[in-house]
Amino acid sequence: MAKDNKFDLQPYLDKINEFDPNDIDWENMGSWPVAGKAVFCTIIGLSLLIGGYFMMLEPMQQKLNREIKQESKLKKDFENKAFQVANLEDYKAQMIEMEQSFESILKQLPRDTEVPGLIDDISLAARNNGLDLKVISPQKQVATEFYNELPIEIEVEGDYHELGAYVSSVASLPRIVTLHDFSISTKGKDRDTLSLKILAKTYRYNEGN
């Protein structure tokens, strides 16, 4: 019966155990035992692998990660732009609507030549609601970046319901008028007569912008 042929590692392990680093002849590596050569080659191979990873593979991995992040950002930018392009007609329609609304608002702002007519409308509203108009005094124009404020001080006298109707009438004028700084007080012994002081503001578009 033939004997089993088995590879025996023990002689090689014995040689590795007998290997003494102090006996290494670095000038004549060819004379090294097989075990020493194998260990040395293994160390050199591992050193090359580790050095190659840190010197080449790791920077490449970092670059790859940056490229992946950049790709993700570009995809999002592309999706946003594609969405904008797909909705371009809607945006154009919204822009036209906004321009029309802006023009409509501008038409509600009085030009300089229309301010006296606006004051007449405010005065007429007081008379129509049975009020006694004591003061209506345009103040100095206040300039802002996009428009000019035209404040008008008003003082009227009447009863509670007449004052309420008057405020509603002024706020409903075709031109934009906002009301500020309400002040109501009684007049003399007659508790039914009230004095209303109010600051009305209208606005004019600053055409210099």
C-alpha atoms as a PDB file:
ATOM      1  CA  MET A   1       0.000   0.000   0.000  1.00  0.00           C
ATOM      2  CA  ALA A   2       1.465   3.388  -1.003  1.00  0.00           C
ATOM      3  CA  LYS A   3       2.270   5.826   1.725  1.00  0.00           C
ATOM      4  CA  ASP A   4       0.368   9.120   1.865  1.00  0.00           C
ATOM      5  CA  ASN A   5       2.464  12.013   0.608  1.00  0.00           C
ATOM      6  CA  LYS A   6       1.960  14.851   3.142  1.00  0.00           C
ATOM      7  CA  PHE A   7       3.753  18.171   3.141  1.00  0.00           C
ATOM      8  CA  ASP A   8       5.606  18.561   6.424  1.00  0.00           C
ATOM      9  CA  LEU A   9       5.932  22.163   7.660  1.00  0.00           C
ATOM     10  CA  GLN A  10       7.793  21.267  10.799  1.00  0.00           C
ATOM     11  CA  PRO A  11      11.301  21.507   9.307  1.00  0.00           C
ATOM     12  CA  TYR A  12      10.540  25.017   8.069  1.00  0.00           C
ATOM     13  CA  LEU A  13       9.105  26.055  11.420  1.00  0.00           C
ATOM     14  CA  ASP A  14      12.213  24.699  13.141  1.00  0.00           C
ATOM     15  CA  LYS A  15      14.397  26.774  10.836  1.00  0.00           C
ATOM     16  CA  ILE A  16      12.321  29.902  11.564  1.00  0.00           C
ATOM     17  CA  ASN A  17      12.696  29.280  15.305  1.00  0.00           C
ATOM     18  CA  GLU A  18      16.451  28.838  14.864  1.00  0.00           C
ATOM     19  CA  PHE A  19      16.662  32.107  12.883  1.00  0.00           C
ATOM     20  CA  ASP A  20      18.701  34.733  14.754  1.00  0.00           C
ATOM     21  CA  PRO A  21      18.476  38.335  13.455  1.00  0.00           C
ATOM     22  CA  ASN A  22      21.989  38.995  14.771  1.00  0.00           C
ATOM     23  CA  ASP A  23      23.365  36.475  12.320  1.00  0.00           C
ATOM     24  CA  ILE A  24      21.943  38.290   9.284  1.00  0.00           C
ATOM     25  CA  ASP A  25      24.546  39.109   6.664  1.00  0.00           C
ATOM     26  CA  TRP A  26      23.031  42.156   4.961  1.00  0.00           C
ATOM     27  CA  GLU A  27      25.864  42.255   2.396  1.00  0.00           C
ATOM     28  CA  ASN A  28      25.243  38.718   1.216  1.00  0.00           C
ATOM     29  CA  MET A  29      21.492  38.151   1.176  1.00  0.00           C
ATOM     30  CA  GLY A  30      21.890  35.241  -1.193  1.00  0.00           C
ATOM     31  CA  SER A  31      23.370  33.209   1.650  1.00  0.00           C
ATOM     32  CA  TRP A  32      20.282  33.627   3.797  1.00  0.00           C
ATOM     33  CA  PRO A  33      18.266  30.540   4.640  1.00  0.00           C
ATOM     34  CA  VAL A  34      14.964  30.060   2.859  1.00  0.00           C
ATOM     35  CA  ALA A  35      13.017  30.973   5.994  1.00  0.00           C
ATOM     36  CA  GLY A  36      14.877  34.274   6.339  1.00  0.00           C
ATOM     37  CA  LYS A  37      14.322  35.116   2.712  1.00  0.00           C
ATOM     38  CA  ALA A  38      10.611  34.320   3.061  1.00  0.00           C
ATOM     39  CA  VAL A  39      10.242  36.511   6.175  1.00  0.00           C
ATOM     40  CA  PHE A  40      12.165  39.364   4.562  1.00  0.00           C
ATOM     41  CA  CYS A  41      10.114  39.174   1.372  1.00  0.00           C
ATOM     42  CA  THR A  42       6.908  39.110   3.419  1.00  0.00           C
ATOM     43  CA  ILE A  43       7.964  42.225   5.343  1.00  0.00           C
ATOM     44  CA  ILE A  44       8.918  44.019   2.121  1.00  0.00           C
ATOM     45  CA  GLY A  45       5.607  43.045   0.508  1.00  0.00           C
ATOM     46  CA  LEU A  46       3.537  44.246   3.463  1.00  0.00           C
ATOM     47  CA  SER A  47       5.515  47.499   3.605  1.00  0.00           C
ATOM     48  CA  LEU A  48       4.854  48.112  -0.091  1.00  0.00           C
ATOM     49  CA  LEU A  49       1.154  47.379   0.329  1.00  0.00           C
ATOM     50  CA  ILE A  50       0.785  49.653   3.376  1.00  0.00           C
ATOM     51  CA  GLY A  51       2.887  52.411   1.841  1.00  0.00           C
ATOM     52  CA  GLY A  52       1.027  52.144  -1.443  1.00  0.00           C
ATOM     53  CA  TYR A  53      -2.301  52.476   0.358  1.00  0.00           C
ATOM     54  CA  PHE A  54      -1.357  55.613   2.269  1.00  0.00           C
ATOM     55  CA  MET A  55       0.540  57.205  -0.617  1.00  0.00           C
ATOM     56  CA  MET A  56      -1.781  56.350  -3.492  1.00  0.00           C
ATOM     57  CA  LEU A  57      -5.027  54.660  -2.560  1.00  0.00           C
ATOM     58  CA  GLU A  58      -6.034  56.914   0.353  1.00  0.00           C
ATOM     59  CA  PRO A  59      -5.621  60.203  -1.615  1.00  0.00           C
ATOM     60  CA  MET A  60      -7.525  58.599  -4.486  1.00  0.00           C
ATOM     61  CA  GLN A  61     -10.272  57.526  -2.073  1.00  0.00           C
ATOM     62  CA  GLN A  62     -10.506  61.068  -0.696  1.00  0.00           C
ATOM     63  CA  LYS A  63     -10.686  62.447  -4.230  1.00  0.00           C
ATOM     64  CA  LEU A  64     -13.385  59.910  -5.075  1.00  0.00           C
ATOM     65  CA  ASN A  65     -15.416  61.005  -2.032  1.00  0.00           C
ATOM     66  CA  ARG A  66     -15.124  64.645  -3.120  1.00  0.00           C
ATOM     67  CA  GLU A  67     -16.222  63.754  -6.633  1.00  0.00           C
ATOM     68  CA  ILE A  68     -19.210  61.816  -5.259  1.00  0.00           C
ATOM     69  CA  LYS A  69     -20.280  64.860  -3.197  1.00  0.00           C
ATOM     70  CA  GLN A  70     -19.797  67.133  -6.206  1.00  0.00           C
ATOM     71  CA  GLU A  71     -21.855  64.756  -8.339  1.00  0.00           C
ATOM     72  CA  SER A  72     -24.662  64.837  -5.767  1.00  0.00           C
ATOM     73  CA  LYS A  73     -24.590  68.654  -5.743  1.00  0.00           C
ATOM     74  CA  LEU A  74     -24.633  68.826  -9.546  1.00  0.00           C
ATOM     75  CA  LYS A  75     -27.573  66.440  -9.657  1.00  0.00           C
ATOM     76  CA  LYS A  76     -29.548  68.657  -7.279  1.00  0.00           C
ATOM     77  CA  ASP A  77     -28.660  71.763  -9.309  1.00  0.00           C
ATOM     78  CA  PHE A  78     -29.731  69.985 -12.479  1.00  0.00           C
ATOM     79  CA  GLU A  79     -33.021  68.908 -10.910  1.00  0.00           C
ATOM     80  CA  ASN A  80     -33.721  72.476  -9.753  1.00  0.00           C
ATOM     81  CA  LYS A  81     -32.942  73.932 -13.168  1.00  0.00           C
ATOM     82  CA  ALA A  82     -34.951  71.230 -14.909  1.00  0.00           C
ATOM     83  CA  PHE A  83     -37.895  72.066 -12.640  1.00  0.00           C
ATOM     84  CA  GLN A  84     -37.541  75.753 -13.443  1.00  0.00           C
ATOM     85  CA  VAL A  85     -37.402  75.052 -17.172  1.00  0.00           C
ATOM     86  CA  ALA A  86     -40.433  72.778 -16.944  1.00  0.00           C
ATOM     87  CA  ASN A  87     -42.343  75.557 -15.173  1.00  0.00           C
ATOM     88  CA  LEU A  88     -40.963  78.428 -17.243  1.00  0.00           C
ATOM     89  CA  GLU A  89     -44.317  79.240 -18.830  1.00  0.00           C
ATOM     90  CA  ASP A  90     -45.972  79.369 -15.398  1.00  0.00           C
ATOM     91  CA  TYR A  91     -43.234  81.721 -14.170  1.00  0.00           C
ATOM     92  CA  LYS A  92     -43.756  83.965 -17.187  1.00  0.00           C
ATOM     93  CA  ALA A  93     -47.492  84.051 -16.532  1.00  0.00           C
ATOM     94  CA  GLN A  94     -46.869  84.910 -12.872  1.00  0.00           C
ATOM     95  CA  MET A  95     -44.464  87.672 -13.898  1.00  0.00           C
ATOM     96  CA  ILE A  96     -47.049  89.184 -16.240  1.00  0.00           C
ATOM     97  CA  GLU A  97     -49.658  88.993 -13.473  1.00  0.00           C
ATOM     98  CA  MET A  98     -47.283  90.669 -11.008  1.00  0.00           C
ATOM     99  CA  GLU A  99     -46.507  93.442 -13.494  1.00  0.00           C
ATOM    100  CA  GLN A 100     -50.216  94.019 -14.045  1.00  0.00           C
ATOM    101  CA  SER A 101     -50.828  94.120 -10.288  1.00  0.00           C
ATOM    102  CA  PHE A 102     -47.943  96.551  -9.888  1.00  0.00           C
ATOM    103  CA  GLU A 103     -49.330  98.806 -12.586  1.00  0.00           C
ATOM    104  CA  SER A 104     -52.748  98.650 -10.915  1.00  0.00           C
ATOM    105  CA  ILE A 105     -51.237  99.686  -7.583  1.00  0.00           C
ATOM    106  CA  LEU A 106     -49.303 102.525  -9.197  1.00  0.00           C
ATOM    107  CA  LYS A 107     -52.555 103.856 -10.645  1.00  0.00           C
ATOM    108  CA  GLN A 108     -53.912 104.107  -7.095  1.00  0.00           C
ATOM    109  CA  LEU A 109     -51.024 106.333  -6.050  1.00  0.00           C
ATOM    110  CA  PRO A 110     -51.730 109.998  -6.650  1.00  0.00           C
ATOM    111  CA  ARG A 111     -49.497 112.126  -8.830  1.00  0.00           C
ATOM    112  CA  ASP A 112     -48.498 115.523  -7.508  1.00  0.00           C
ATOM    113  CA  THR A 113     -51.257 117.167  -9.526  1.00  0.00           C
ATOM    114  CA  GLU A 114     -53.872 114.818  -7.978  1.00  0.00           C
ATOM    115  CA  VAL A 115     -53.060 115.503  -4.310  1.00  0.00           C
ATOM    116  CA  PRO A 116     -55.403 118.543  -4.068  1.00  0.00           C
ATOM    117  CA  GLY A 117     -58.210 116.397  -5.496  1.00  0.00           C
ATOM    118  CA  LEU A 118     -57.455 113.726  -2.873  1.00  0.00           C
ATOM    119  CA  ILE A 119     -57.711 116.354  -0.122  1.00  0.00           C
ATOM    120  CA  ASP A 120     -61.053 117.427  -1.564  1.00  0.00           C
ATOM    121  CA  ASP A 121     -62.252 113.799  -1.432  1.00  0.00           C
ATOM    122  CA  ILE A 122     -61.226 113.512   2.225  1.00  0.00           C
ATOM    123  CA  SER A 123     -63.035 116.756   3.019  1.00  0.00           C
ATOM    124  CA  LEU A 124     -66.137 115.659   1.114  1.00  0.00           C
ATOM    125  CA  ALA A 125     -66.208 112.377   3.049  1.00  0.00           C
ATOM    126  CA  ALA A 126     -66.305 114.377   6.286  1.00  0.00           C
ATOM    127  CA  ARG A 127     -69.241 116.494   5.121  1.00  0.00           C
ATOM    128  CA  ASN A 128     -71.133 113.519   3.706  1.00  0.00           C
ATOM    129  CA  ASN A 129     -70.942 111.810   7.082  1.00  0.00           C
ATOM    130  CA  GLY A 130     -72.200 114.864   8.994  1.00  0.00           C
ATOM    131  CA  LEU A 131     -68.859 115.788  10.554  1.00  0.00           C
ATOM    132  CA  ASP A 132     -67.452 119.209  11.289  1.00  0.00           C
ATOM    133  CA  LEU A 133     -64.057 119.363   9.564  1.00  0.00           C
ATOM    134  CA  LYS A 134     -61.747 121.395  11.796  1.00  0.00           C
ATOM    135  CA  VAL A 135     -58.322 120.702  10.311  1.00  0.00           C
ATOM    136  CA  ILE A 136     -56.996 119.149   7.104  1.00  0.00           C
ATOM    137  CA  SER A 137     -53.321 120.013   6.730  1.00  0.00           C
ATOM    138  CA  PRO A 138     -50.862 118.350   4.301  1.00  0.00           C
ATOM    139  CA  GLN A 139     -47.445 117.862   5.897  1.00  0.00           C
ATOM    140  CA  LYS A 140     -43.945 117.732   4.471  1.00  0.00           C
ATOM    141  CA  GLN A 141     -43.378 114.864   2.049  1.00  0.00           C
ATOM    142  CA  VAL A 142     -41.238 111.978   3.399  1.00  0.00           C
ATOM    143  CA  ALA A 143     -38.986 110.357   0.778  1.00  0.00           C
ATOM    144  CA  THR A 144     -38.103 106.649   0.961  1.00  0.00           C
ATOM    145  CA  GLU A 145     -36.176 104.418  -1.434  1.00  0.00           C
ATOM    146  CA  PHE A 146     -39.087 103.465  -3.663  1.00  0.00           C
ATOM    147  CA  TYR A 147     -41.925 105.850  -2.808  1.00  0.00           C
ATOM    148  CA  ASN A 148     -42.770 109.158  -1.147  1.00  0.00           C
ATOM    149  CA  GLU A 149     -45.128 109.445   1.816  1.00  0.00           C
ATOM    150  CA  LEU A 150     -47.575 112.329   1.843  1.00  0.00           C
ATOM    151  CA  PRO A 151     -48.899 112.770   5.426  1.00  0.00           C
ATOM    152  CA  ILE A 152     -52.123 114.736   5.998  1.00  0.00           C
ATOM    153  CA  GLU A 153     -53.242 115.796   9.480  1.00  0.00           C
ATOM    154  CA  ILE A 154     -57.012 115.657   9.954  1.00  0.00           C
ATOM    155  CA  GLU A 155     -59.267 116.746  12.795  1.00  0.00           C
ATOM    156  CA  VAL A 156     -63.037 116.269  12.675  1.00  0.00           C
ATOM    157  CA  GLU A 157     -65.873 116.470  15.198  1.00  0.00           C
ATOM    158  CA  GLY A 158     -69.062 114.437  15.400  1.00  0.00           C
ATOM    159  CA  ASP A 159     -70.663 111.536  17.212  1.00  0.00           C
ATOM    160  CA  TYR A 160     -69.278 108.015  17.503  1.00  0.00           C
ATOM    161  CA  HIS A 161     -71.180 106.535  14.546  1.00  0.00           C
ATOM    162  CA  GLU A 162     -70.333 109.465  12.271  1.00  0.00           C
ATOM    163  CA  LEU A 163     -66.632 109.091  13.068  1.00  0.00           C
ATOM    164  CA  GLY A 164     -66.749 105.370  12.325  1.00  0.00           C
ATOM    165  CA  ALA A 165     -68.482 105.965   9.000  1.00  0.00           C
ATOM    166  CA  TYR A 166     -65.946 108.656   8.113  1.00  0.00           C
ATOM    167  CA  VAL A 167     -62.951 106.422   8.786  1.00  0.00           C
ATOM    168  CA  SER A 168     -64.518 103.720   6.619  1.00  0.00           C
ATOM    169  CA  SER A 169     -65.156 106.226   3.814  1.00  0.00           C
ATOM    170  CA  VAL A 170     -61.564 107.496   3.790  1.00  0.00           C
ATOM    171  CA  ALA A 171     -60.168 103.954   3.805  1.00  0.00           C
ATOM    172  CA  SER A 172     -62.416 103.117   0.815  1.00  0.00           C
ATOM    173  CA  LEU A 173     -61.216 105.971  -1.412  1.00  0.00           C
ATOM    174  CA  PRO A 174     -60.003 104.916  -4.902  1.00  0.00           C
ATOM    175  CA  ARG A 175     -56.528 106.157  -4.046  1.00  0.00           C
ATOM    176  CA  ILE A 176     -54.421 104.336  -1.464  1.00  0.00           C
ATOM    177  CA  VAL A 177     -54.817 106.050   1.897  1.00  0.00           C
ATOM    178  CA  THR A 178     -53.696 104.575   5.223  1.00  0.00           C
ATOM    179  CA  LEU A 179     -54.769 105.940   8.615  1.00  0.00           C
ATOM    180  CA  HIS A 180     -52.469 106.278  11.633  1.00  0.00           C
ATOM    181  CA  ASP A 181     -52.219 107.755  15.138  1.00  0.00           C
ATOM    182  CA  PHE A 182     -55.902 107.840  16.150  1.00  0.00           C
ATOM    183  CA  SER A 183     -56.766 110.189  18.994  1.00  0.00           C
ATOM    184  CA  ILE A 184     -60.374 110.643  20.228  1.00  0.00           C
ATOM    185  CA  SER A 185     -61.523 113.042  22.944  1.00  0.00           C
ATOM    186  CA  THR A 186     -64.815 114.585  24.099  1.00  0.00           C
ATOM    187  CA  LYS A 187     -65.732 118.192  23.366  1.00  0.00           C
ATOM    188  CA  GLY A 188     -66.826 120.401  26.267  1.00  0.00           C
ATOM    189  CA  LYS A 189     -69.867 119.400  28.296  1.00  0.00           C
ATOM    190  CA  ASP A 190     -71.531 117.565  25.425  1.00  0.00           C
ATOM    191  CA  ARG A 191     -70.382 113.977  25.844  1.00  0.00           C
ATOM    192  CA  ASP A 192     -71.995 112.970  22.554  1.00  0.00           C
ATOM    193  CA  THR A 193     -69.644 115.154  20.492  1.00  0.00           C
ATOM    194  CA  LEU A 194     -66.229 113.645  19.932  1.00  0.00           C
ATOM    195  CA  SER A 195     -63.080 115.082  18.401  1.00  0.00           C
ATOM    196  CA  LEU A 196     -61.048 112.755  16.177  1.00  0.00           C
ATOM    197  CA  LYS A 197     -57.449 113.567  15.306  1.00  0.00           C
ATOM    198  CA  ILE A 198     -55.890 111.254  12.749  1.00  0.00           C
ATOM    199  CA  LEU A 199     -52.905 111.155  10.434  1.00  0.00           C
ATOM    200  CA  ALA A 200     -53.748 110.001   6.901  1.00  0.00           C
ATOM    201  CA  LYS A 201     -50.947 108.928   4.590  1.00  0.00           C
ATOM    202  CA  THR A 202     -51.014 108.533   0.860  1.00  0.00           C
ATOM    203  CA  TYR A 203     -48.094 107.484  -1.296  1.00  0.00           C
ATOM    204  CA  ARG A 204     -46.504 108.480  -4.572  1.00  0.00           C
ATOM    205  CA  TYR A 205     -44.180 106.244  -6.557  1.00  0.00           C
ATOM    206  CA  ASN A 206     -40.638 107.574  -6.653  1.00  0.00           C
ATOM    207  CA  GLU A 207     -40.030 107.712 -10.399  1.00  0.00           C
ATOM    208  CA  GLY A 208     -36.356 108.459  -9.855  1.00  0.00           C
ATOM    209  CA  ASN A 209     -35.691 104.721  -9.158  1.00  0.00           C
END
